């Protein structure tokens, strides 16, 4: 994955500042398959690390039918979070 590391890191750190300490930001690169996709992780809350694969939630989302995907309002919480 090609990107400006300095800008990207600052951008993610600003997101963390905005959302607080209960936020984990994970950046994936899917260009080489699904085995080792994590290329950056900020404020790891799930103990994942660079080189790990996506969670099962990602693979479940791939199976979703478009009709099941709904717009979640900011004040709504999903029961699986």
C-alpha atoms as a PDB file:
ATOM      1  CA  UNK A   1       0.000   0.000   0.000  1.00  0.00           C
ATOM      2  CA  UNK A   2       1.406   3.362  -0.996  1.00  0.00           C
ATOM      3  CA  UNK A   3       0.558   6.362   1.153  1.00  0.00           C
ATOM      4  CA  UNK A   4       2.169   9.306   2.863  1.00  0.00           C
ATOM      5  CA  UNK A   5       3.030   7.862   6.279  1.00  0.00           C
ATOM      6  CA  UNK A   6       3.294  11.211   8.026  1.00  0.00           C
ATOM      7  CA  UNK A   7      -0.080  12.495   6.834  1.00  0.00           C
ATOM      8  CA  UNK A   8      -1.764   9.137   7.377  1.00  0.00           C
ATOM      9  CA  UNK A   9      -0.427   8.761  10.913  1.00  0.00           C
ATOM     10  CA  UNK A  10      -1.480  12.304  11.832  1.00  0.00           C
ATOM     11  CA  UNK A  11      -4.925  11.709  10.331  1.00  0.00           C
ATOM     12  CA  UNK A  12      -5.455   8.534  12.375  1.00  0.00           C
ATOM     13  CA  UNK A  13      -4.143  10.151  15.549  1.00  0.00           C
ATOM     14  CA  UNK A  14      -6.605  13.027  15.034  1.00  0.00           C
ATOM     15  CA  UNK A  15      -9.422  10.499  14.670  1.00  0.00           C
ATOM     16  CA  UNK A  16      -8.360   8.957  17.975  1.00  0.00           C
ATOM     17  CA  UNK A  17      -8.373  12.387  19.603  1.00  0.00           C
ATOM     18  CA  UNK A  18     -11.847  13.007  18.241  1.00  0.00           C
ATOM     19  CA  UNK A  19     -13.356   9.639  19.262  1.00  0.00           C
ATOM     20  CA  UNK A  20     -11.455   9.085  22.496  1.00  0.00           C
ATOM     21  CA  UNK A  21      -9.620   6.194  24.106  1.00  0.00           C
ATOM     22  CA  UNK A  22     -12.362   3.656  23.418  1.00  0.00           C
ATOM     23  CA  UNK A  23     -11.662   3.754  19.692  1.00  0.00           C
ATOM     24  CA  UNK A  24      -9.439   1.393  17.724  1.00  0.00           C
ATOM     25  CA  UNK A  25      -8.398   2.294  14.188  1.00  0.00           C
ATOM     26  CA  UNK A  26      -7.236  -0.541  11.969  1.00  0.00           C
ATOM     27  CA  UNK A  27      -5.942  -0.068   8.419  1.00  0.00           C
ATOM     28  CA  UNK A  28      -6.100  -3.072   6.095  1.00  0.00           C
ATOM     29  CA  UNK A  29      -4.426  -3.767   2.753  1.00  0.00           C
ATOM     30  CA  UNK A  30      -6.445  -6.347   0.817  1.00  0.00           C
ATOM     31  CA  UNK A  31      -4.285  -6.282  -2.311  1.00  0.00           C
ATOM     32  CA  UNK A  32      -2.452  -9.468  -1.288  1.00  0.00           C
ATOM     33  CA  UNK A  33      -5.326 -11.574   0.003  1.00  0.00           C
ATOM     34  CA  UNK A  34      -6.980 -11.934   3.385  1.00  0.00           C
ATOM     35  CA  UNK A  35      -4.330 -13.687   5.472  1.00  0.00           C
ATOM     36  CA  UNK A  36      -2.216 -10.770   6.760  1.00  0.00           C
ATOM     37  CA  UNK A  37      -4.097  -7.571   5.979  1.00  0.00           C
ATOM     38  CA  UNK A  38      -3.424  -5.257   8.928  1.00  0.00           C
ATOM     39  CA  UNK A  39      -0.788  -2.696   7.967  1.00  0.00           C
ATOM     40  CA  UNK A  40      -1.457  -0.135  10.700  1.00  0.00           C
ATOM     41  CA  UNK A  41      -3.236  -0.247  14.028  1.00  0.00           C
ATOM     42  CA  UNK A  42      -3.795   2.624  16.418  1.00  0.00           C
ATOM     43  CA  UNK A  43      -4.852   2.215  20.046  1.00  0.00           C
ATOM     44  CA  UNK A  44      -5.225  -1.543  19.873  1.00  0.00           C
ATOM     45  CA  UNK A  45      -8.147  -2.576  22.051  1.00  0.00           C
ATOM     46  CA  UNK A  46      -8.436  -6.077  20.596  1.00  0.00           C
ATOM     47  CA  UNK A  47      -4.760  -7.053  20.984  1.00  0.00           C
ATOM     48  CA  UNK A  48      -4.404  -7.386  17.213  1.00  0.00           C
ATOM     49  CA  UNK A  49      -1.140  -6.360  15.610  1.00  0.00           C
ATOM     50  CA  UNK A  50       0.356  -5.510  12.227  1.00  0.00           C
ATOM     51  CA  UNK A  51       0.281  -8.605  10.036  1.00  0.00           C
ATOM     52  CA  UNK A  52      -2.893 -10.063  11.550  1.00  0.00           C
ATOM     53  CA  UNK A  53      -5.984 -10.892   9.512  1.00  0.00           C
ATOM     54  CA  UNK A  54      -9.456  -9.290   9.673  1.00  0.00           C
ATOM     55  CA  UNK A  55     -11.939 -10.382  12.315  1.00  0.00           C
ATOM     56  CA  UNK A  56     -14.865 -12.691  11.625  1.00  0.00           C
ATOM     57  CA  UNK A  57     -17.134  -9.628  11.515  1.00  0.00           C
ATOM     58  CA  UNK A  58     -15.441  -8.603   8.273  1.00  0.00           C
ATOM     59  CA  UNK A  59     -16.095 -11.958   6.646  1.00  0.00           C
ATOM     60  CA  UNK A  60     -19.696 -11.955   7.891  1.00  0.00           C
ATOM     61  CA  UNK A  61     -20.166  -8.511   6.322  1.00  0.00           C
ATOM     62  CA  UNK A  62     -18.990  -9.862   2.970  1.00  0.00           C
ATOM     63  CA  UNK A  63     -21.938 -12.265   3.031  1.00  0.00           C
ATOM     64  CA  UNK A  64     -24.568  -9.599   3.804  1.00  0.00           C
ATOM     65  CA  UNK A  65     -27.303  -8.926   1.356  1.00  0.00           C
ATOM     66  CA  UNK A  66     -27.579  -5.226   0.477  1.00  0.00           C
ATOM     67  CA  UNK A  67     -31.091  -5.169   1.898  1.00  0.00           C
ATOM     68  CA  UNK A  68     -29.734  -6.114   5.324  1.00  0.00           C
ATOM     69  CA  UNK A  69     -27.306  -3.200   5.430  1.00  0.00           C
ATOM     70  CA  UNK A  70     -28.904  -0.274   7.179  1.00  0.00           C
ATOM     71  CA  UNK A  71     -27.852   3.265   7.897  1.00  0.00           C
ATOM     72  CA  UNK A  72     -26.916   3.495  11.571  1.00  0.00           C
ATOM     73  CA  UNK A  73     -27.558   6.877  13.149  1.00  0.00           C
ATOM     74  CA  UNK A  74     -24.811   8.255  15.439  1.00  0.00           C
ATOM     75  CA  UNK A  75     -26.942   7.814  18.571  1.00  0.00           C
ATOM     76  CA  UNK A  76     -27.782   4.165  17.849  1.00  0.00           C
ATOM     77  CA  UNK A  77     -25.659   1.344  19.190  1.00  0.00           C
ATOM     78  CA  UNK A  78     -25.358  -2.062  17.656  1.00  0.00           C
ATOM     79  CA  UNK A  79     -25.825  -4.940  20.124  1.00  0.00           C
ATOM     80  CA  UNK A  80     -22.605  -6.646  18.969  1.00  0.00           C
ATOM     81  CA  UNK A  81     -20.387  -3.675  19.950  1.00  0.00           C
END
